[in-house]
Structures are given as structure tokens and as C-alpha cells.
């Protein structure tokens, strides 16, 4: 479940950095579990960032690598502009994550 924690942290950090200009603004977090997948949704009060600009990283740029984390760890992720949320789906095995090794 480390991937779920890392993805959640990345999504929340992006909302704090890019989607909450007001210190008193509230974000929402919802985590849903279904067979084989965990879906994370993080809503924000402000407008969502432009996905194309986030995906294009300039050489030498210090930020923007969170997209690489999402691309590697998520089976899919994206933005829902209508509901002002970013979402990610992470594939998992078993009821609580990867199965332990058997002897």
C-alpha cells in the first residue's frame, strides 16, 4: 500500500501548491476500494491546473516530477474540471494490497 500513500501525498501536495490560494480554503479527499483497485479523489476550491503544461517538463526544471510518479504508480489518473478534482487509480492485489510471499 506504499504506492497508495505516495500517490495520495502527491495529489494533496499538488492541490496545496496549485489549487488553494486561500489559506482557509478546504480540499476534500475520498478513497474508494474496489476489487483490484484503489481510487483516490482530491477536490480543490480553485481551478485545476492545465494538464498539458504539467506534463511538459523543461530540462533543468526543479518541479514537475510528481507527474512521473503518477505515471509510474497509477494504472490511470486525470483531472475532472467539472467537479474540480484530480483522481488516480492504483492497481492492488488482494483485499489489503499485495499478497505476502508463501513458503
PDB file of N, CA and C in Angstrom:
ATOM      1  N   UNK A   1       0.804  -1.183   0.000  1.00  0.00           N
ATOM      2  CA  UNK A   1       0.000   0.000   0.000  1.00  0.00           C
ATOM      3  C   UNK A   1       0.859   1.263   0.000  1.00  0.00           C
ATOM      4  N   UNK A   2       2.161   1.110  -0.083  1.00  0.00           N
ATOM      5  CA  UNK A   2       3.050   2.267  -0.136  1.00  0.00           C
ATOM      6  C   UNK A   2       2.758   3.127  -1.352  1.00  0.00           C
ATOM      7  N   UNK A   3       2.395   2.500  -2.476  1.00  0.00           N
ATOM      8  CA  UNK A   3       2.074   3.261  -3.687  1.00  0.00           C
ATOM      9  C   UNK A   3       0.854   4.142  -3.454  1.00  0.00           C
ATOM     10  N   UNK A   4      -0.137   3.624  -2.755  1.00  0.00           N
ATOM     11  CA  UNK A   4      -1.341   4.407  -2.463  1.00  0.00           C
ATOM     12  C   UNK A   4      -0.978   5.619  -1.613  1.00  0.00           C
ATOM     13  N   UNK A   5      -0.147   5.430  -0.598  1.00  0.00           N
ATOM     14  CA  UNK A   5       0.283   6.542   0.264  1.00  0.00           C
ATOM     15  C   UNK A   5       1.048   7.593  -0.518  1.00  0.00           C
ATOM     16  N   UNK A   6       1.937   7.148  -1.377  1.00  0.00           N
ATOM     17  CA  UNK A   6       2.733   8.085  -2.162  1.00  0.00           C
ATOM     18  C   UNK A   6       1.867   8.869  -3.145  1.00  0.00           C
ATOM     19  N   UNK A   7       0.944   8.199  -3.812  1.00  0.00           N
ATOM     20  CA  UNK A   7       0.056   8.879  -4.761  1.00  0.00           C
ATOM     21  C   UNK A   7      -0.836   9.873  -4.020  1.00  0.00           C
ATOM     22  N   UNK A   8      -1.388   9.472  -2.887  1.00  0.00           N
ATOM     23  CA  UNK A   8      -2.217  10.383  -2.101  1.00  0.00           C
ATOM     24  C   UNK A   8      -1.426  11.628  -1.707  1.00  0.00           C
ATOM     25  N   UNK A   9      -0.207  11.428  -1.244  1.00  0.00           N
ATOM     26  CA  UNK A   9       0.647  12.549  -0.850  1.00  0.00           C
ATOM     27  C   UNK A   9       0.903  13.480  -2.031  1.00  0.00           C
ATOM     28  N   UNK A  10       1.175  12.933  -3.181  1.00  0.00           N
ATOM     29  CA  UNK A  10       1.441  13.738  -4.374  1.00  0.00           C
ATOM     30  C   UNK A  10       0.210  14.547  -4.775  1.00  0.00           C
ATOM     31  N   UNK A  11      -0.961  13.919  -4.783  1.00  0.00           N
ATOM     32  CA  UNK A  11      -2.183  14.627  -5.172  1.00  0.00           C
ATOM     33  C   UNK A  11      -2.507  15.753  -4.191  1.00  0.00           C
ATOM     34  N   UNK A  12      -2.391  15.481  -2.905  1.00  0.00           N
ATOM     35  CA  UNK A  12      -2.676  16.513  -1.901  1.00  0.00           C
ATOM     36  C   UNK A  12      -1.658  17.652  -2.003  1.00  0.00           C
ATOM     37  N   UNK A  13      -0.395  17.328  -2.171  1.00  0.00           N
ATOM     38  CA  UNK A  13       0.639  18.365  -2.298  1.00  0.00           C
ATOM     39  C   UNK A  13       0.368  19.263  -3.496  1.00  0.00           C
ATOM     40  N   UNK A  14      -0.076  18.683  -4.604  1.00  0.00           N
ATOM     41  CA  UNK A  14      -0.374  19.489  -5.786  1.00  0.00           C
ATOM     42  C   UNK A  14      -1.553  20.425  -5.551  1.00  0.00           C
ATOM     43  N   UNK A  15      -2.567  19.948  -4.850  1.00  0.00           N
ATOM     44  CA  UNK A  15      -3.707  20.812  -4.553  1.00  0.00           C
ATOM     45  C   UNK A  15      -3.274  21.959  -3.638  1.00  0.00           C
ATOM     46  N   UNK A  16      -2.470  21.661  -2.636  1.00  0.00           N
ATOM     47  CA  UNK A  16      -1.991  22.706  -1.730  1.00  0.00           C
ATOM     48  C   UNK A  16      -1.157  23.725  -2.506  1.00  0.00           C
ATOM     49  N   UNK A  17      -0.295  23.258  -3.375  1.00  0.00           N
ATOM     50  CA  UNK A  17       0.592  24.154  -4.116  1.00  0.00           C
ATOM     51  C   UNK A  17      -0.127  24.928  -5.209  1.00  0.00           C
ATOM     52  N   UNK A  18      -1.025  24.280  -5.938  1.00  0.00           N
ATOM     53  CA  UNK A  18      -1.595  24.889  -7.136  1.00  0.00           C
ATOM     54  C   UNK A  18      -3.074  25.251  -7.035  1.00  0.00           C
ATOM     55  N   UNK A  19      -3.804  24.683  -6.085  1.00  0.00           N
ATOM     56  CA  UNK A  19      -5.251  24.856  -6.111  1.00  0.00           C
ATOM     57  C   UNK A  19      -5.865  25.533  -4.914  1.00  0.00           C
ATOM     58  N   UNK A  20      -5.057  25.983  -3.974  1.00  0.00           N
ATOM     59  CA  UNK A  20      -5.593  26.610  -2.764  1.00  0.00           C
ATOM     60  C   UNK A  20      -4.908  27.944  -2.529  1.00  0.00           C
ATOM     61  N   UNK A  21      -5.378  28.989  -3.192  1.00  0.00           N
ATOM     62  CA  UNK A  21      -4.792  30.316  -2.981  1.00  0.00           C
ATOM     63  C   UNK A  21      -5.185  30.895  -1.629  1.00  0.00           C
ATOM     64  N   UNK A  22      -6.337  30.509  -1.144  1.00  0.00           N
ATOM     65  CA  UNK A  22      -6.861  30.997   0.125  1.00  0.00           C
ATOM     66  C   UNK A  22      -6.448  30.046   1.245  1.00  0.00           C
ATOM     67  N   UNK A  23      -5.838  30.577   2.287  1.00  0.00           N
ATOM     68  CA  UNK A  23      -5.384  29.731   3.398  1.00  0.00           C
ATOM     69  C   UNK A  23      -6.536  29.017   4.096  1.00  0.00           C
ATOM     70  N   UNK A  24      -7.728  29.591   4.040  1.00  0.00           N
ATOM     71  CA  UNK A  24      -8.876  28.988   4.705  1.00  0.00           C
ATOM     72  C   UNK A  24      -9.657  28.051   3.794  1.00  0.00           C
ATOM     73  N   UNK A  25      -9.215  27.902   2.550  1.00  0.00           N
ATOM     74  CA  UNK A  25      -9.914  27.033   1.606  1.00  0.00           C
ATOM     75  C   UNK A  25      -9.788  25.578   2.040  1.00  0.00           C
ATOM     76  N   UNK A  26     -10.799  24.817   1.731  1.00  0.00           N
ATOM     77  CA  UNK A  26     -10.804  23.405   2.113  1.00  0.00           C
ATOM     78  C   UNK A  26     -10.694  22.518   0.885  1.00  0.00           C
ATOM     79  N   UNK A  27      -9.962  21.447   1.032  1.00  0.00           N
ATOM     80  CA  UNK A  27      -9.901  20.427  -0.002  1.00  0.00           C
ATOM     81  C   UNK A  27     -10.635  19.203   0.521  1.00  0.00           C
ATOM     82  N   UNK A  28     -11.024  18.332  -0.372  1.00  0.00           N
ATOM     83  CA  UNK A  28     -11.672  17.097   0.023  1.00  0.00           C
ATOM     84  C   UNK A  28     -10.867  15.911  -0.465  1.00  0.00           C
ATOM     85  N   UNK A  29     -10.856  14.849   0.305  1.00  0.00           N
ATOM     86  CA  UNK A  29     -10.159  13.626  -0.078  1.00  0.00           C
ATOM     87  C   UNK A  29     -11.138  12.473   0.064  1.00  0.00           C
ATOM     88  N   UNK A  30     -11.232  11.667  -0.990  1.00  0.00           N
ATOM     89  CA  UNK A  30     -12.059  10.472  -0.940  1.00  0.00           C
ATOM     90  C   UNK A  30     -11.246   9.304  -1.467  1.00  0.00           C
ATOM     91  N   UNK A  31     -11.274   8.209  -0.729  1.00  0.00           N
ATOM     92  CA  UNK A  31     -10.564   6.999  -1.136  1.00  0.00           C
ATOM     93  C   UNK A  31     -11.595   5.880  -1.223  1.00  0.00           C
ATOM     94  N   UNK A  32     -11.645   5.247  -2.384  1.00  0.00           N
ATOM     95  CA  UNK A  32     -12.595   4.162  -2.618  1.00  0.00           C
ATOM     96  C   UNK A  32     -11.812   2.892  -2.933  1.00  0.00           C
ATOM     97  N   UNK A  33     -12.317   1.774  -2.424  1.00  0.00           N
ATOM     98  CA  UNK A  33     -11.672   0.479  -2.656  1.00  0.00           C
ATOM     99  C   UNK A  33     -12.637  -0.417  -3.409  1.00  0.00           C
ATOM    100  N   UNK A  34     -12.170  -0.997  -4.468  1.00  0.00           N
ATOM    101  CA  UNK A  34     -12.915  -1.992  -5.239  1.00  0.00           C
ATOM    102  C   UNK A  34     -11.958  -3.141  -5.510  1.00  0.00           C
ATOM    103  N   UNK A  35     -12.467  -4.287  -5.924  1.00  0.00           N
ATOM    104  CA  UNK A  35     -11.570  -5.410  -6.199  1.00  0.00           C
ATOM    105  C   UNK A  35     -10.456  -5.018  -7.190  1.00  0.00           C
ATOM    106  N   UNK A  36      -9.226  -5.132  -6.735  1.00  0.00           N
ATOM    107  CA  UNK A  36      -8.074  -4.888  -7.601  1.00  0.00           C
ATOM    108  C   UNK A  36      -7.670  -3.441  -7.791  1.00  0.00           C
ATOM    109  N   UNK A  37      -8.397  -2.495  -7.175  1.00  0.00           N
ATOM    110  CA  UNK A  37      -8.062  -1.082  -7.415  1.00  0.00           C
ATOM    111  C   UNK A  37      -8.426  -0.216  -6.208  1.00  0.00           C
ATOM    112  N   UNK A  38      -7.599   0.797  -5.996  1.00  0.00           N
ATOM    113  CA  UNK A  38      -7.905   1.866  -5.049  1.00  0.00           C
ATOM    114  C   UNK A  38      -8.003   3.143  -5.868  1.00  0.00           C
ATOM    115  N   UNK A  39      -9.101   3.882  -5.681  1.00  0.00           N
ATOM    116  CA  UNK A  39      -9.296   5.157  -6.379  1.00  0.00           C
ATOM    117  C   UNK A  39      -9.223   6.277  -5.350  1.00  0.00           C
ATOM    118  N   UNK A  40      -8.400   7.266  -5.663  1.00  0.00           N
ATOM    119  CA  UNK A  40      -8.234   8.445  -4.806  1.00  0.00           C
ATOM    120  C   UNK A  40      -8.760   9.642  -5.580  1.00  0.00           C
ATOM    121  N   UNK A  41      -9.566  10.461  -4.913  1.00  0.00           N
ATOM    122  CA  UNK A  41     -10.042  11.711  -5.492  1.00  0.00           C
ATOM    123  C   UNK A  41      -9.723  12.829  -4.510  1.00  0.00           C
ATOM    124  N   UNK A  42      -9.117  13.899  -5.014  1.00  0.00           N
ATOM    125  CA  UNK A  42      -8.821  15.065  -4.193  1.00  0.00           C
ATOM    126  C   UNK A  42      -9.452  16.267  -4.879  1.00  0.00           C
ATOM    127  N   UNK A  43     -10.416  16.886  -4.197  1.00  0.00           N
ATOM    128  CA  UNK A  43     -11.084  18.056  -4.754  1.00  0.00           C
ATOM    129  C   UNK A  43     -10.428  19.315  -4.213  1.00  0.00           C
ATOM    130  N   UNK A  44     -10.540  20.379  -4.979  1.00  0.00           N
ATOM    131  CA  UNK A  44      -9.910  21.623  -4.576  1.00  0.00           C
ATOM    132  C   UNK A  44     -10.856  22.791  -4.847  1.00  0.00           C
ATOM    133  N   UNK A  45     -10.699  23.874  -4.075  1.00  0.00           N
ATOM    134  CA  UNK A  45     -11.589  25.016  -4.230  1.00  0.00           C
ATOM    135  C   UNK A  45     -11.296  25.858  -5.472  1.00  0.00           C
ATOM    136  N   UNK A  46     -10.045  25.918  -5.880  1.00  0.00           N
ATOM    137  CA  UNK A  46      -9.661  26.742  -7.020  1.00  0.00           C
ATOM    138  C   UNK A  46      -9.682  25.955  -8.308  1.00  0.00           C
ATOM    139  N   UNK A  47      -9.420  26.653  -9.419  1.00  0.00           N
ATOM    140  CA  UNK A  47      -9.403  25.963 -10.714  1.00  0.00           C
ATOM    141  C   UNK A  47      -8.250  24.961 -10.801  1.00  0.00           C
ATOM    142  N   UNK A  48      -8.462  23.918 -11.577  1.00  0.00           N
ATOM    143  CA  UNK A  48      -7.431  22.915 -11.779  1.00  0.00           C
ATOM    144  C   UNK A  48      -6.353  23.449 -12.704  1.00  0.00           C
ATOM    145  N   UNK A  49      -5.169  22.905 -12.578  1.00  0.00           N
ATOM    146  CA  UNK A  49      -4.068  23.284 -13.445  1.00  0.00           C
ATOM    147  C   UNK A  49      -4.268  22.676 -14.827  1.00  0.00           C
ATOM    148  N   UNK A  50      -3.519  23.181 -15.783  1.00  0.00           N
ATOM    149  CA  UNK A  50      -3.585  22.691 -17.152  1.00  0.00           C
ATOM    150  C   UNK A  50      -2.716  21.437 -17.270  1.00  0.00           C
ATOM    151  N   UNK A  51      -3.335  20.324 -17.632  1.00  0.00           N
ATOM    152  CA  UNK A  51      -2.631  19.045 -17.673  1.00  0.00           C
ATOM    153  C   UNK A  51      -1.502  19.039 -18.700  1.00  0.00           C
ATOM    154  N   UNK A  52      -1.690  19.687 -19.845  1.00  0.00           N
ATOM    155  CA  UNK A  52      -0.629  19.714 -20.860  1.00  0.00           C
ATOM    156  C   UNK A  52       0.608  20.438 -20.354  1.00  0.00           C
ATOM    157  N   UNK A  53       0.420  21.533 -19.626  1.00  0.00           N
ATOM    158  CA  UNK A  53       1.590  22.258 -19.113  1.00  0.00           C
ATOM    159  C   UNK A  53       2.281  21.463 -18.007  1.00  0.00           C
ATOM    160  N   UNK A  54       1.519  20.698 -17.247  1.00  0.00           N
ATOM    161  CA  UNK A  54       2.111  19.873 -16.192  1.00  0.00           C
ATOM    162  C   UNK A  54       2.920  18.734 -16.805  1.00  0.00           C
ATOM    163  N   UNK A  55       2.401  18.146 -17.854  1.00  0.00           N
ATOM    164  CA  UNK A  55       3.086  17.004 -18.480  1.00  0.00           C
ATOM    165  C   UNK A  55       4.359  17.418 -19.228  1.00  0.00           C
ATOM    166  N   UNK A  56       4.466  18.661 -19.670  1.00  0.00           N
ATOM    167  CA  UNK A  56       5.666  19.093 -20.399  1.00  0.00           C
ATOM    168  C   UNK A  56       6.654  19.689 -19.408  1.00  0.00           C
ATOM    169  N   UNK A  57       7.717  18.973 -19.162  1.00  0.00           N
ATOM    170  CA  UNK A  57       8.731  19.403 -18.211  1.00  0.00           C
ATOM    171  C   UNK A  57       9.951  19.899 -18.973  1.00  0.00           C
ATOM    172  N   UNK A  58      10.376  21.090 -18.627  1.00  0.00           N
ATOM    173  CA  UNK A  58      11.558  21.653 -19.263  1.00  0.00           C
ATOM    174  C   UNK A  58      12.812  21.080 -18.613  1.00  0.00           C
ATOM    175  N   UNK A  59      13.857  20.932 -19.409  1.00  0.00           N
ATOM    176  CA  UNK A  59      15.139  20.439 -18.893  1.00  0.00           C
ATOM    177  C   UNK A  59      15.640  21.409 -17.830  1.00  0.00           C
ATOM    178  N   UNK A  60      16.096  20.869 -16.724  1.00  0.00           N
ATOM    179  CA  UNK A  60      16.630  21.692 -15.646  1.00  0.00           C
ATOM    180  C   UNK A  60      15.575  22.239 -14.699  1.00  0.00           C
ATOM    181  N   UNK A  61      14.339  21.963 -14.964  1.00  0.00           N
ATOM    182  CA  UNK A  61      13.268  22.455 -14.115  1.00  0.00           C
ATOM    183  C   UNK A  61      13.237  21.638 -12.821  1.00  0.00           C
ATOM    184  N   UNK A  62      13.077  22.309 -11.697  1.00  0.00           N
ATOM    185  CA  UNK A  62      13.116  21.635 -10.411  1.00  0.00           C
ATOM    186  C   UNK A  62      11.802  20.966 -10.046  1.00  0.00           C
ATOM    187  N   UNK A  63      10.705  21.398 -10.643  1.00  0.00           N
ATOM    188  CA  UNK A  63       9.400  20.838 -10.287  1.00  0.00           C
ATOM    189  C   UNK A  63       8.808  20.104 -11.478  1.00  0.00           C
ATOM    190  N   UNK A  64       7.706  19.412 -11.212  1.00  0.00           N
ATOM    191  CA  UNK A  64       7.002  18.717 -12.283  1.00  0.00           C
ATOM    192  C   UNK A  64       7.258  17.226 -12.324  1.00  0.00           C
ATOM    193  N   UNK A  65       8.030  16.736 -11.389  1.00  0.00           N
ATOM    194  CA  UNK A  65       8.357  15.310 -11.404  1.00  0.00           C
ATOM    195  C   UNK A  65       7.282  14.443 -10.751  1.00  0.00           C
ATOM    196  N   UNK A  66       6.336  15.070 -10.075  1.00  0.00           N
ATOM    197  CA  UNK A  66       5.238  14.315  -9.498  1.00  0.00           C
ATOM    198  C   UNK A  66       4.415  13.612 -10.555  1.00  0.00           C
ATOM    199  N   UNK A  67       4.351  14.203 -11.734  1.00  0.00           N
ATOM    200  CA  UNK A  67       3.640  13.574 -12.851  1.00  0.00           C
ATOM    201  C   UNK A  67       4.287  12.239 -13.191  1.00  0.00           C
ATOM    202  N   UNK A  68       5.591  12.172 -13.120  1.00  0.00           N
ATOM    203  CA  UNK A  68       6.289  10.910 -13.370  1.00  0.00           C
ATOM    204  C   UNK A  68       5.912   9.862 -12.332  1.00  0.00           C
ATOM    205  N   UNK A  69       5.769  10.291 -11.084  1.00  0.00           N
ATOM    206  CA  UNK A  69       5.350   9.376 -10.026  1.00  0.00           C
ATOM    207  C   UNK A  69       3.963   8.831 -10.343  1.00  0.00           C
ATOM    208  N   UNK A  70       3.041   9.720 -10.713  1.00  0.00           N
ATOM    209  CA  UNK A  70       1.688   9.282 -11.043  1.00  0.00           C
ATOM    210  C   UNK A  70       1.682   8.357 -12.257  1.00  0.00           C
ATOM    211  N   UNK A  71       2.449   8.705 -13.268  1.00  0.00           N
ATOM    212  CA  UNK A  71       2.506   7.864 -14.470  1.00  0.00           C
ATOM    213  C   UNK A  71       3.032   6.465 -14.154  1.00  0.00           C
ATOM    214  N   UNK A  72       3.984   6.365 -13.246  1.00  0.00           N
ATOM    215  CA  UNK A  72       4.590   5.067 -12.915  1.00  0.00           C
ATOM    216  C   UNK A  72       3.733   4.212 -11.989  1.00  0.00           C
ATOM    217  N   UNK A  73       3.095   4.850 -11.015  1.00  0.00           N
ATOM    218  CA  UNK A  73       2.407   4.092  -9.974  1.00  0.00           C
ATOM    219  C   UNK A  73       0.917   3.869 -10.226  1.00  0.00           C
ATOM    220  N   UNK A  74       0.328   4.664 -11.091  1.00  0.00           N
ATOM    221  CA  UNK A  74      -1.119   4.593 -11.304  1.00  0.00           C
ATOM    222  C   UNK A  74      -1.444   3.859 -12.597  1.00  0.00           C
ATOM    223  N   UNK A  75      -2.525   3.095 -12.559  1.00  0.00           N
ATOM    224  CA  UNK A  75      -2.971   2.490 -13.815  1.00  0.00           C
ATOM    225  C   UNK A  75      -3.630   3.551 -14.676  1.00  0.00           C
ATOM    226  N   UNK A  76      -4.197   4.600 -14.031  1.00  0.00           N
ATOM    227  CA  UNK A  76      -4.707   5.771 -14.748  1.00  0.00           C
ATOM    228  C   UNK A  76      -4.884   6.903 -13.746  1.00  0.00           C
ATOM    229  N   UNK A  77      -4.866   8.125 -14.260  1.00  0.00           N
ATOM    230  CA  UNK A  77      -5.110   9.291 -13.425  1.00  0.00           C
ATOM    231  C   UNK A  77      -5.501  10.442 -14.338  1.00  0.00           C
ATOM    232  N   UNK A  78      -6.133  11.440 -13.760  1.00  0.00           N
ATOM    233  CA  UNK A  78      -6.527  12.573 -14.592  1.00  0.00           C
ATOM    234  C   UNK A  78      -7.211  13.657 -13.784  1.00  0.00           C
ATOM    235  N   UNK A  79      -7.787  14.598 -14.527  1.00  0.00           N
ATOM    236  CA  UNK A  79      -8.451  15.746 -13.943  1.00  0.00           C
ATOM    237  C   UNK A  79      -9.919  15.724 -14.317  1.00  0.00           C
ATOM    238  N   UNK A  80     -10.757  16.120 -13.399  1.00  0.00           N
ATOM    239  CA  UNK A  80     -12.185  16.289 -13.642  1.00  0.00           C
ATOM    240  C   UNK A  80     -12.483  17.758 -13.388  1.00  0.00           C
ATOM    241  N   UNK A  81     -12.464  18.562 -14.458  1.00  0.00           N
ATOM    242  CA  UNK A  81     -12.630  20.009 -14.316  1.00  0.00           C
ATOM    243  C   UNK A  81     -14.020  20.383 -13.816  1.00  0.00           C
ATOM    244  N   UNK A  82     -15.029  19.639 -14.209  1.00  0.00           N
ATOM    245  CA  UNK A  82     -16.398  19.943 -13.799  1.00  0.00           C
ATOM    246  C   UNK A  82     -16.547  19.878 -12.280  1.00  0.00           C
ATOM    247  N   UNK A  83     -15.932  18.877 -11.665  1.00  0.00           N
ATOM    248  CA  UNK A  83     -16.025  18.698 -10.215  1.00  0.00           C
ATOM    249  C   UNK A  83     -14.802  19.206  -9.467  1.00  0.00           C
ATOM    250  N   UNK A  84     -13.885  19.831 -10.190  1.00  0.00           N
ATOM    251  CA  UNK A  84     -12.652  20.375  -9.615  1.00  0.00           C
ATOM    252  C   UNK A  84     -11.906  19.348  -8.773  1.00  0.00           C
ATOM    253  N   UNK A  85     -11.614  18.221  -9.397  1.00  0.00           N
ATOM    254  CA  UNK A  85     -10.854  17.224  -8.657  1.00  0.00           C
ATOM    255  C   UNK A  85      -9.851  16.527  -9.556  1.00  0.00           C
ATOM    256  N   UNK A  86      -8.804  16.043  -8.919  1.00  0.00           N
ATOM    257  CA  UNK A  86      -7.817  15.197  -9.567  1.00  0.00           C
ATOM    258  C   UNK A  86      -8.022  13.806  -8.983  1.00  0.00           C
ATOM    259  N   UNK A  87      -7.900  12.801  -9.826  1.00  0.00           N
ATOM    260  CA  UNK A  87      -8.154  11.427  -9.381  1.00  0.00           C
ATOM    261  C   UNK A  87      -7.037  10.521  -9.871  1.00  0.00           C
ATOM    262  N   UNK A  88      -6.894   9.401  -9.183  1.00  0.00           N
ATOM    263  CA  UNK A  88      -5.900   8.405  -9.565  1.00  0.00           C
ATOM    264  C   UNK A  88      -6.423   7.033  -9.176  1.00  0.00           C
ATOM    265  N   UNK A  89      -6.099   6.047  -9.998  1.00  0.00           N
ATOM    266  CA  UNK A  89      -6.446   4.657  -9.704  1.00  0.00           C
ATOM    267  C   UNK A  89      -5.168   3.832  -9.667  1.00  0.00           C
ATOM    268  N   UNK A  90      -4.998   3.109  -8.560  1.00  0.00           N
ATOM    269  CA  UNK A  90      -3.809   2.292  -8.347  1.00  0.00           C
ATOM    270  C   UNK A  90      -4.245   0.836  -8.279  1.00  0.00           C
ATOM    271  N   UNK A  91      -3.622   0.006  -9.086  1.00  0.00           N
ATOM    272  CA  UNK A  91      -3.932  -1.428  -9.069  1.00  0.00           C
ATOM    273  C   UNK A  91      -3.327  -2.043  -7.819  1.00  0.00           C
ATOM    274  N   UNK A  92      -4.129  -2.860  -7.131  1.00  0.00           N
ATOM    275  CA  UNK A  92      -3.658  -3.567  -5.944  1.00  0.00           C
ATOM    276  C   UNK A  92      -4.134  -5.007  -6.014  1.00  0.00           C
ATOM    277  N   UNK A  93      -3.419  -5.879  -5.317  1.00  0.00           N
ATOM    278  CA  UNK A  93      -3.783  -7.299  -5.253  1.00  0.00           C
ATOM    279  C   UNK A  93      -4.411  -7.577  -3.894  1.00  0.00           C
ATOM    280  N   UNK A  94      -5.375  -8.471  -3.883  1.00  0.00           N
ATOM    281  CA  UNK A  94      -5.957  -8.933  -2.622  1.00  0.00           C
ATOM    282  C   UNK A  94      -6.740  -7.857  -1.902  1.00  0.00           C
ATOM    283  N   UNK A  95      -7.285  -8.179  -0.753  1.00  0.00           N
ATOM    284  CA  UNK A  95      -8.133  -7.256  -0.039  1.00  0.00           C
ATOM    285  C   UNK A  95      -7.385  -6.079   0.590  1.00  0.00           C
ATOM    286  N   UNK A  96      -6.128  -6.242   0.936  1.00  0.00           N
ATOM    287  CA  UNK A  96      -5.389  -5.174   1.597  1.00  0.00           C
ATOM    288  C   UNK A  96      -4.078  -4.836   0.900  1.00  0.00           C
ATOM    289  N   UNK A  97      -3.909  -5.242  -0.301  1.00  0.00           N
ATOM    290  CA  UNK A  97      -2.671  -4.947  -1.007  1.00  0.00           C
ATOM    291  C   UNK A  97      -2.028  -6.214  -1.496  1.00  0.00           C
ATOM    292  N   UNK A  98      -0.741  -6.158  -1.835  1.00  0.00           N
ATOM    293  CA  UNK A  98      -0.055  -7.335  -2.364  1.00  0.00           C
ATOM    294  C   UNK A  98      -0.100  -8.496  -1.375  1.00  0.00           C
ATOM    295  N   UNK A  99      -0.235  -9.680  -1.903  1.00  0.00           N
ATOM    296  CA  UNK A  99      -0.246 -10.868  -1.065  1.00  0.00           C
ATOM    297  C   UNK A  99       1.152 -11.144  -0.519  1.00  0.00           C
ATOM    298  N   UNK A 100       1.229 -11.603   0.746  1.00  0.00           N
ATOM    299  CA  UNK A 100       2.548 -11.931   1.299  1.00  0.00           C
ATOM    300  C   UNK A 100       3.098 -13.173   0.607  1.00  0.00           C
ATOM    301  N   UNK A 101       4.419 -13.304   0.588  1.00  0.00           N
ATOM    302  CA  UNK A 101       5.013 -14.492  -0.035  1.00  0.00           C
ATOM    303  C   UNK A 101       4.608 -15.757   0.717  1.00  0.00           C
ATOM    304  N   UNK A 102       4.426 -16.827  -0.019  1.00  0.00           N
ATOM    305  CA  UNK A 102       4.100 -18.110   0.609  1.00  0.00           C
ATOM    306  C   UNK A 102       5.354 -18.938   0.752  1.00  0.00           C
ATOM    307  N   UNK A 103       5.400 -19.801   1.781  1.00  0.00           N
ATOM    308  CA  UNK A 103       6.584 -20.633   1.981  1.00  0.00           C
ATOM    309  C   UNK A 103       6.432 -21.986   1.357  1.00  0.00           C
TER     310      UNK A 103
END
